[in-house]
C-alpha atoms as a PDB file:
ATOM      1  CA  MET A   1      -0.122   0.057  -0.116  1.00  0.00           C
ATOM      2  CA  LYS A   2       1.361   3.581  -0.887  1.00  0.00           C
ATOM      3  CA  LYS A   3       2.888   5.600   2.253  1.00  0.00           C
ATOM      4  CA  PHE A   4       1.936   9.107   3.208  1.00  0.00           C
ATOM      5  CA  VAL A   5       3.428  11.810   5.346  1.00  0.00           C
ATOM      6  CA  ASP A   6      -0.306  13.067   5.899  1.00  0.00           C
ATOM      7  CA  ILE A   7      -2.559   9.999   6.597  1.00  0.00           C
ATOM      8  CA  PRO A   8      -5.692  10.170   4.481  1.00  0.00           C
ATOM      9  CA  VAL A   9      -8.257   9.507   7.278  1.00  0.00           C
ATOM     10  CA  LYS A  10     -11.333  11.657   8.168  1.00  0.00           C
ATOM     11  CA  SER A  11     -11.822  11.184  11.660  1.00  0.00           C
ATOM     12  CA  VAL A  12      -8.540  11.590  13.429  1.00  0.00           C
ATOM     13  CA  LYS A  13      -6.790  15.206  13.651  1.00  0.00           C
ATOM     14  CA  ASN A  14      -2.907  15.825  13.505  1.00  0.00           C
ATOM     15  CA  ILE A  15      -1.973  12.413  12.240  1.00  0.00           C
ATOM     16  CA  ARG A  16       1.014  11.820  10.309  1.00  0.00           C
ATOM     17  CA  ASP A  17       3.712   9.356   9.588  1.00  0.00           C
ATOM     18  CA  LEU A  18       7.146   9.935  10.762  1.00  0.00           C
ATOM     19  CA  GLY A  19       8.622   8.391   7.414  1.00  0.00           C
ATOM     20  CA  GLY A  20      10.404  10.398   4.605  1.00  0.00           C
ATOM     21  CA  ILE A  21      12.835  12.419   7.052  1.00  0.00           C
ATOM     22  CA  ILE A  22      16.457  12.690   6.020  1.00  0.00           C
ATOM     23  CA  THR A  23      19.013  12.097   8.842  1.00  0.00           C
ATOM     24  CA  LYS A  24      22.398  13.875   8.971  1.00  0.00           C
ATOM     25  CA  ASP A  25      24.087  10.949   7.849  1.00  0.00           C
ATOM     26  CA  PHE A  26      21.808  10.824   4.660  1.00  0.00           C
ATOM     27  CA  LYS A  27      19.781   7.995   5.422  1.00  0.00           C
ATOM     28  CA  ILE A  28      15.684   8.214   5.427  1.00  0.00           C
ATOM     29  CA  THR A  29      13.245   7.261   8.294  1.00  0.00           C
ATOM     30  CA  LYS A  30      10.930   4.470   6.799  1.00  0.00           C
ATOM     31  CA  TYR A  31       7.348   4.906   6.283  1.00  0.00           C
ATOM     32  CA  GLY A  32       4.577   2.861   8.163  1.00  0.00           C
ATOM     33  CA  LYS A  33       6.501   2.343  11.171  1.00  0.00           C
ATOM     34  CA  PHE A  34       5.844   5.377  13.513  1.00  0.00           C
ATOM     35  CA  ILE A  35       2.523   7.276  13.059  1.00  0.00           C
ATOM     36  CA  ARG A  36       1.849   9.961  15.430  1.00  0.00           C
ATOM     37  CA  SER A  37      -1.817  11.700  15.863  1.00  0.00           C
ATOM     38  CA  ALA A  38      -4.227  13.189  18.242  1.00  0.00           C
ATOM     39  CA  ASN A  39      -6.412  10.795  20.133  1.00  0.00           C
ATOM     40  CA  LEU A  40      -8.614   8.349  18.428  1.00  0.00           C
ATOM     41  CA  SER A  41     -11.938   8.480  20.427  1.00  0.00           C
ATOM     42  CA  LYS A  42     -14.027   9.221  17.395  1.00  0.00           C
ATOM     43  CA  ILE A  43     -12.339   7.199  14.796  1.00  0.00           C
ATOM     44  CA  LEU A  44     -14.720   6.179  12.040  1.00  0.00           C
ATOM     45  CA  ASP A  45     -14.778   2.297  11.011  1.00  0.00           C
ATOM     46  CA  GLU A  46     -13.632   3.167   7.605  1.00  0.00           C
ATOM     47  CA  ASP A  47     -10.401   4.840   9.047  1.00  0.00           C
ATOM     48  CA  ILE A  48      -9.792   1.728  11.338  1.00  0.00           C
ATOM     49  CA  GLN A  49      -9.897  -0.332   8.204  1.00  0.00           C
ATOM     50  CA  PHE A  50      -7.428   2.261   6.442  1.00  0.00           C
ATOM     51  CA  LEU A  51      -4.738   2.011   9.168  1.00  0.00           C
ATOM     52  CA  LYS A  52      -5.035  -1.924   9.321  1.00  0.00           C
ATOM     53  CA  LYS A  53      -4.214  -1.737   5.354  1.00  0.00           C
ATOM     54  CA  TYR A  54      -1.492   0.957   5.856  1.00  0.00           C
ATOM     55  CA  GLY A  55       0.214  -1.561   8.373  1.00  0.00           C
ATOM     56  CA  VAL A  56      -0.557  -0.317  11.937  1.00  0.00           C
ATOM     57  CA  LYS A  57      -0.386  -3.121  14.402  1.00  0.00           C
ATOM     58  CA  SER A  58      -0.438  -1.354  17.919  1.00  0.00           C
ATOM     59  CA  ILE A  59      -1.925   1.512  19.196  1.00  0.00           C
ATOM     60  CA  LEU A  60       0.127   3.470  22.244  1.00  0.00           C
ATOM     61  CA  ASP A  61      -1.944   5.789  24.322  1.00  0.00           C
ATOM     62  CA  LEU A  62      -0.346   8.159  26.094  1.00  0.00           C
ATOM     63  CA  ARG A  63      -2.911   9.791  28.039  1.00  0.00           C
ATOM     64  CA  ARG A  64      -3.765   9.484  31.858  1.00  0.00           C
ATOM     65  CA  LYS A  65      -6.233   6.633  32.676  1.00  0.00           C
ATOM     66  CA  GLU A  66      -8.746   9.256  33.679  1.00  0.00           C
ATOM     67  CA  GLU A  67      -8.805  10.575  30.129  1.00  0.00           C
ATOM     68  CA  VAL A  68      -9.246   7.511  28.404  1.00  0.00           C
ATOM     69  CA  GLU A  69     -12.803   6.259  27.402  1.00  0.00           C
ATOM     70  CA  LYS A  70     -14.053   2.602  27.811  1.00  0.00           C
ATOM     71  CA  SER A  71     -15.547   2.234  24.663  1.00  0.00           C
ATOM     72  CA  TYR A  72     -12.792   3.657  22.885  1.00  0.00           C
ATOM     73  CA  VAL A  73     -10.527   1.189  24.269  1.00  0.00           C
ATOM     74  CA  LYS A  74     -12.965  -1.815  23.743  1.00  0.00           C
ATOM     75  CA  LYS A  75     -13.318  -0.597  19.971  1.00  0.00           C
ATOM     76  CA  ILE A  76      -9.492  -0.335  19.383  1.00  0.00           C
ATOM     77  CA  LYS A  77      -8.731  -3.702  20.899  1.00  0.00           C
ATOM     78  CA  GLN A  78     -10.837  -5.515  18.496  1.00  0.00           C
ATOM     79  CA  HIS A  79      -8.628  -4.634  15.723  1.00  0.00           C
ATOM     80  CA  PHE A  80      -4.972  -3.560  17.524  1.00  0.00           C
ATOM     81  CA  ASN A  81      -2.889  -4.317  20.064  1.00  0.00           C
ATOM     82  CA  TYR A  82      -3.725  -1.925  22.679  1.00  0.00           C
ATOM     83  CA  TYR A  83      -1.131  -0.058  25.182  1.00  0.00           C
ATOM     84  CA  ASN A  84      -1.870   2.919  27.693  1.00  0.00           C
ATOM     85  CA  ILE A  85       1.254   4.253  29.491  1.00  0.00           C
ATOM     86  CA  SER A  86       0.582   7.700  31.054  1.00  0.00           C
ATOM     87  CA  LEU A  87       3.615  10.106  30.061  1.00  0.00           C
ATOM     88  CA  PHE A  88       2.395  13.271  31.990  1.00  0.00           C
ATOM     89  CA  ASN A  89       1.162  12.840  35.352  1.00  0.00           C
ATOM     90  CA  ASP A  90       1.406  16.489  37.801  1.00  0.00           C
ATOM     91  CA  GLU A  91       3.785  18.210  34.576  1.00  0.00           C
ATOM     92  CA  PHE A  92       0.558  20.511  33.741  1.00  0.00           C
ATOM     93  CA  SER A  93      -1.457  20.836  37.062  1.00  0.00           C
ATOM     94  CA  ASP A  94      -4.142  23.803  36.768  1.00  0.00           C
ATOM     95  CA  GLU A  95      -1.293  25.674  38.814  1.00  0.00           C
ATOM     96  CA  VAL A  96       1.282  24.833  36.243  1.00  0.00           C
ATOM     97  CA  VAL A  97      -1.052  26.035  33.408  1.00  0.00           C
ATOM     98  CA  GLU A  98      -1.599  29.397  35.216  1.00  0.00           C
ATOM     99  CA  ASP A  99       2.002  29.736  35.547  1.00  0.00           C
ATOM    100  CA  ILE A 100       2.648  29.139  31.839  1.00  0.00           C
ATOM    101  CA  ILE A 101      -0.006  31.279  30.918  1.00  0.00           C
ATOM    102  CA  TYR A 102       1.457  34.172  32.827  1.00  0.00           C
ATOM    103  CA  GLY A 103       5.285  33.399  31.734  1.00  0.00           C
ATOM    104  CA  LYS A 104       6.395  32.254  34.894  1.00  0.00           C
ATOM    105  CA  ILE A 105       7.382  28.803  33.328  1.00  0.00           C
ATOM    106  CA  ASP A 106       7.967  27.664  29.747  1.00  0.00           C
ATOM    107  CA  VAL A 107       6.515  24.818  28.290  1.00  0.00           C
ATOM    108  CA  SER A 108       9.722  23.375  27.636  1.00  0.00           C
ATOM    109  CA  GLU A 109      10.736  23.185  30.887  1.00  0.00           C
ATOM    110  CA  LYS A 110       7.808  21.010  32.008  1.00  0.00           C
ATOM    111  CA  TYR A 111       8.536  18.860  28.699  1.00  0.00           C
ATOM    112  CA  ILE A 112      12.283  18.082  30.421  1.00  0.00           C
ATOM    113  CA  ASP A 113      10.380  17.231  33.675  1.00  0.00           C
ATOM    114  CA  ALA A 114       8.326  14.667  32.005  1.00  0.00           C
ATOM    115  CA  LEU A 115      11.560  13.105  30.310  1.00  0.00           C
ATOM    116  CA  HIS A 116      13.196  12.635  34.024  1.00  0.00           C
ATOM    117  CA  ASP A 117      10.351   9.765  34.566  1.00  0.00           C
ATOM    118  CA  TYR A 118      12.931   7.279  33.254  1.00  0.00           C
ATOM    119  CA  LYS A 119      10.634   4.189  34.280  1.00  0.00           C
ATOM    120  CA  VAL A 120       7.673   5.486  32.101  1.00  0.00           C
ATOM    121  CA  ILE A 121       9.964   6.423  29.304  1.00  0.00           C
ATOM    122  CA  LYS A 122      11.754   3.316  29.366  1.00  0.00           C
ATOM    123  CA  LYS A 123       8.446   1.475  28.977  1.00  0.00           C
ATOM    124  CA  ILE A 124       7.450   3.503  26.317  1.00  0.00           C
ATOM    125  CA  LEU A 125      10.710   3.061  24.263  1.00  0.00           C
ATOM    126  CA  ASN A 126      10.567  -0.510  24.845  1.00  0.00           C
ATOM    127  CA  LEU A 127       7.369  -0.999  23.618  1.00  0.00           C
ATOM    128  CA  ILE A 128       8.086   1.293  20.457  1.00  0.00           C
ATOM    129  CA  ILE A 129      11.676  -0.587  19.796  1.00  0.00           C
ATOM    130  CA  ASN A 130       9.690  -3.966  19.852  1.00  0.00           C
ATOM    131  CA  SER A 131       6.727  -2.981  18.130  1.00  0.00           C
ATOM    132  CA  GLU A 132       6.402  -3.715  14.183  1.00  0.00           C
ATOM    133  CA  SER A 133       4.352  -0.354  13.431  1.00  0.00           C
ATOM    134  CA  VAL A 134       2.668   1.698  16.197  1.00  0.00           C
ATOM    135  CA  LEU A 135       0.435   4.949  16.215  1.00  0.00           C
ATOM    136  CA  PHE A 136       1.114   6.714  19.481  1.00  0.00           C
ATOM    137  CA  HIS A 137      -1.017   9.599  20.501  1.00  0.00           C
ATOM    138  CA  CYS A 138      -2.144  11.735  23.303  1.00  0.00           C
ATOM    139  CA  PHE A 139      -5.097  14.080  23.121  1.00  0.00           C
ATOM    140  CA  GLU A 140      -4.117  16.265  20.951  1.00  0.00           C
ATOM    141  CA  GLY A 141      -1.132  14.801  19.526  1.00  0.00           C
ATOM    142  CA  LYS A 142       1.276  17.514  20.060  1.00  0.00           C
ATOM    143  CA  ASP A 143       2.912  17.666  23.839  1.00  0.00           C
ATOM    144  CA  ARG A 144       3.222  14.229  24.889  1.00  0.00           C
ATOM    145  CA  THR A 145       3.143  12.886  21.473  1.00  0.00           C
ATOM    146  CA  GLY A 146       5.729  15.613  20.491  1.00  0.00           C
ATOM    147  CA  ILE A 147       8.133  14.614  23.328  1.00  0.00           C
ATOM    148  CA  VAL A 148       8.077  10.745  22.146  1.00  0.00           C
ATOM    149  CA  SER A 149       8.752  12.242  18.385  1.00  0.00           C
ATOM    150  CA  MET A 150      11.536  14.289  19.346  1.00  0.00           C
ATOM    151  CA  LEU A 151      13.357  11.084  20.923  1.00  0.00           C
ATOM    152  CA  LEU A 152      12.424   8.798  18.093  1.00  0.00           C
ATOM    153  CA  LEU A 153      14.017  11.464  15.625  1.00  0.00           C
ATOM    154  CA  GLY A 154      16.635  12.511  17.850  1.00  0.00           C
ATOM    155  CA  ILE A 155      18.221   8.944  18.450  1.00  0.00           C
ATOM    156  CA  SER A 156      17.715   8.505  14.673  1.00  0.00           C
ATOM    157  CA  ASN A 157      20.100  11.390  13.970  1.00  0.00           C
ATOM    158  CA  VAL A 158      17.543  13.717  12.222  1.00  0.00           C
ATOM    159  CA  SER A 159      18.799  17.203  12.630  1.00  0.00           C
ATOM    160  CA  ASN A 160      17.453  19.818  15.447  1.00  0.00           C
ATOM    161  CA  ASP A 161      15.713  21.964  12.689  1.00  0.00           C
ATOM    162  CA  LYS A 162      13.515  19.017  11.575  1.00  0.00           C
ATOM    163  CA  ILE A 163      12.644  17.779  14.725  1.00  0.00           C
ATOM    164  CA  ILE A 164      11.601  21.135  15.167  1.00  0.00           C
ATOM    165  CA  ALA A 165       9.693  21.517  11.902  1.00  0.00           C
ATOM    166  CA  ASN A 166       7.993  17.806  12.610  1.00  0.00           C
ATOM    167  CA  TYR A 167       6.984  19.766  16.184  1.00  0.00           C
ATOM    168  CA  GLU A 168       5.584  23.112  15.272  1.00  0.00           C
ATOM    169  CA  VAL A 169       3.102  22.116  12.829  1.00  0.00           C
ATOM    170  CA  SER A 170       0.990  20.481  15.197  1.00  0.00           C
ATOM    171  CA  SER A 171      -1.005  23.758  15.941  1.00  0.00           C
ATOM    172  CA  SER A 172      -1.532  24.215  12.358  1.00  0.00           C
ATOM    173  CA  TYR A 173      -3.132  20.488  11.798  1.00  0.00           C
ATOM    174  CA  LEU A 174      -5.170  20.926  15.016  1.00  0.00           C
ATOM    175  CA  GLY A 175      -6.630  24.420  13.755  1.00  0.00           C
ATOM    176  CA  TYR A 176      -5.310  26.634  16.239  1.00  0.00           C
ATOM    177  CA  ILE A 177      -3.264  29.199  13.827  1.00  0.00           C
ATOM    178  CA  GLU A 178      -6.070  29.846  11.655  1.00  0.00           C
ATOM    179  CA  LYS A 179      -8.397  30.366  14.841  1.00  0.00           C
ATOM    180  CA  TYR A 180      -5.278  32.273  16.221  1.00  0.00           C
ATOM    181  CA  GLU A 181      -6.164  35.400  18.584  1.00  0.00           C
ATOM    182  CA  GLU A 182      -3.329  37.434  19.786  1.00  0.00           C
ATOM    183  CA  LYS A 183      -4.775  37.860  23.385  1.00  0.00           C
ATOM    184  CA  GLU A 184      -5.720  34.542  23.646  1.00  0.00           C
ATOM    185  CA  LYS A 185      -4.365  33.368  27.197  1.00  0.00           C
ATOM    186  CA  LEU A 186      -3.958  29.676  26.349  1.00  0.00           C
ATOM    187  CA  ASN A 187      -2.322  30.231  23.191  1.00  0.00           C
ATOM    188  CA  LYS A 188       0.894  29.610  25.110  1.00  0.00           C
ATOM    189  CA  LEU A 189      -0.476  26.010  25.410  1.00  0.00           C
ATOM    190  CA  ARG A 190      -2.001  25.731  22.144  1.00  0.00           C
ATOM    191  CA  ILE A 191       0.524  27.190  19.603  1.00  0.00           C
ATOM    192  CA  THR A 192       3.547  24.704  19.177  1.00  0.00           C
ATOM    193  CA  SER A 193       5.940  27.225  18.918  1.00  0.00           C
ATOM    194  CA  PRO A 194       9.204  26.187  17.200  1.00  0.00           C
ATOM    195  CA  TYR A 195      10.898  28.172  19.963  1.00  0.00           C
ATOM    196  CA  ILE A 196       9.576  25.785  22.520  1.00  0.00           C
ATOM    197  CA  MET A 197      10.890  22.542  20.703  1.00  0.00           C
ATOM    198  CA  LYS A 198      14.268  24.601  20.286  1.00  0.00           C
ATOM    199  CA  ASN A 199      14.372  25.311  23.944  1.00  0.00           C
ATOM    200  CA  THR A 200      13.486  21.883  24.904  1.00  0.00           C
ATOM    201  CA  LEU A 201      16.380  20.436  22.802  1.00  0.00           C
ATOM    202  CA  ASN A 202      18.907  22.952  24.112  1.00  0.00           C
ATOM    203  CA  LEU A 203      17.919  21.937  27.822  1.00  0.00           C
ATOM    204  CA  PHE A 204      17.837  18.133  26.955  1.00  0.00           C
ATOM    205  CA  LEU A 205      21.289  18.399  25.283  1.00  0.00           C
ATOM    206  CA  LYS A 206      22.485  20.499  27.920  1.00  0.00           C
ATOM    207  CA  GLU A 207      21.645  17.787  30.573  1.00  0.00           C
ATOM    208  CA  PHE A 208      22.114  14.809  28.632  1.00  0.00           C
ATOM    209  CA  ARG A 209      24.643  15.883  25.962  1.00  0.00           C
ATOM    210  CA  SER A 210      23.424  13.250  23.146  1.00  0.00           C
ATOM    211  CA  PHE A 211      20.175  11.213  22.485  1.00  0.00           C
ATOM    212  CA  GLU A 212      22.431   7.943  23.114  1.00  0.00           C
ATOM    213  CA  ASN A 213      23.423   9.102  26.479  1.00  0.00           C
ATOM    214  CA  TYR A 214      19.977   9.443  27.406  1.00  0.00           C
ATOM    215  CA  PHE A 215      18.569   6.405  26.031  1.00  0.00           C
ATOM    216  CA  LEU A 216      21.444   4.752  28.127  1.00  0.00           C
ATOM    217  CA  GLU A 217      20.453   6.421  31.089  1.00  0.00           C
ATOM    218  CA  VAL A 218      17.006   5.393  30.744  1.00  0.00           C
ATOM    219  CA  GLY A 219      17.953   1.878  30.314  1.00  0.00           C
ATOM    220  CA  ILE A 220      17.971   0.887  26.550  1.00  0.00           C
ATOM    221  CA  SER A 221      21.119  -0.733  25.784  1.00  0.00           C
ATOM    222  CA  HIS A 222      23.442  -0.185  22.527  1.00  0.00           C
ATOM    223  CA  ASP A 223      22.070  -3.251  21.079  1.00  0.00           C
ATOM    224  CA  GLU A 224      18.598  -2.077  21.361  1.00  0.00           C
ATOM    225  CA  ILE A 225      19.617   1.386  20.038  1.00  0.00           C
ATOM    226  CA  GLU A 226      20.915  -0.284  17.043  1.00  0.00           C
ATOM    227  CA  GLN A 227      18.031  -2.349  16.651  1.00  0.00           C
ATOM    228  CA  PHE A 228      15.851   0.282  16.500  1.00  0.00           C
ATOM    229  CA  LYS A 229      17.909   2.464  14.046  1.00  0.00           C
ATOM    230  CA  LYS A 230      18.023  -0.821  11.533  1.00  0.00           C
ATOM    231  CA  SER A 231      14.379  -1.138  11.661  1.00  0.00           C
ATOM    232  CA  PHE A 232      13.338   2.534  11.224  1.00  0.00           C
ATOM    233  CA  LEU A 233      16.129   3.844   8.696  1.00  0.00           C
ATOM    234  CA  GLU A 234      17.094   2.795   5.245  1.00  0.00           C
ATOM    235  CA  GLU A 235      19.585   3.810   2.828  1.00  0.00           C
ATOM    236  CA  ILE A 236      18.120   6.701   0.606  1.00  0.00           C
ATOM    237  CA  ASN A 237      18.779   4.444  -2.658  1.00  0.00           C
ATOM    238  CA  ASP A 238      17.334   1.281  -1.151  1.00  0.00           C
END
């Protein structure tokens, strides 16, 4: 089946393939391995069938348990392997959201806080590394999903500018840019500014020095990293 960057489904927002991205060492990420999206709670049967034909085997839901609808899980489990691993817990409490809105905290700082939850990150990465094809999502597919995408692209030797580009388009896909109002307080949470991801990468690399060091610190071995790269990357001329 033909592979796409923008997955042609009607009922899922912010959905796209991480394939087709050129790395710094001139390899290319494979289509159909990793798909990112907003939640699938209203997914139509025809779109489920498309994703199955596209090759998706597993769904990784990064939302908190209280966010997850039982009816959604029941429906998804009929067609895919379903996993729920919550990435954010207290990182975006009401108090934190208030501080972000008024500029006391940058969103990137909370992303880094989430990345210190090594136990959870290891579970997520182990599942992804051992999946034939996985679609991972949170609620809007921009924050938690954005962090996981950053890790997958970073360990694959994708340049920072392309990681930033992959992050920043989420608010366009979700319609926030089209509806943008400069004085809206929640824009700091809704708009996936490239500077948020730029700052996240700066903070990340300042602390961990490289993506490989981070993966090793989380508990992912050299062999597992190499296994991941072999499964996700290919030569451009292949």
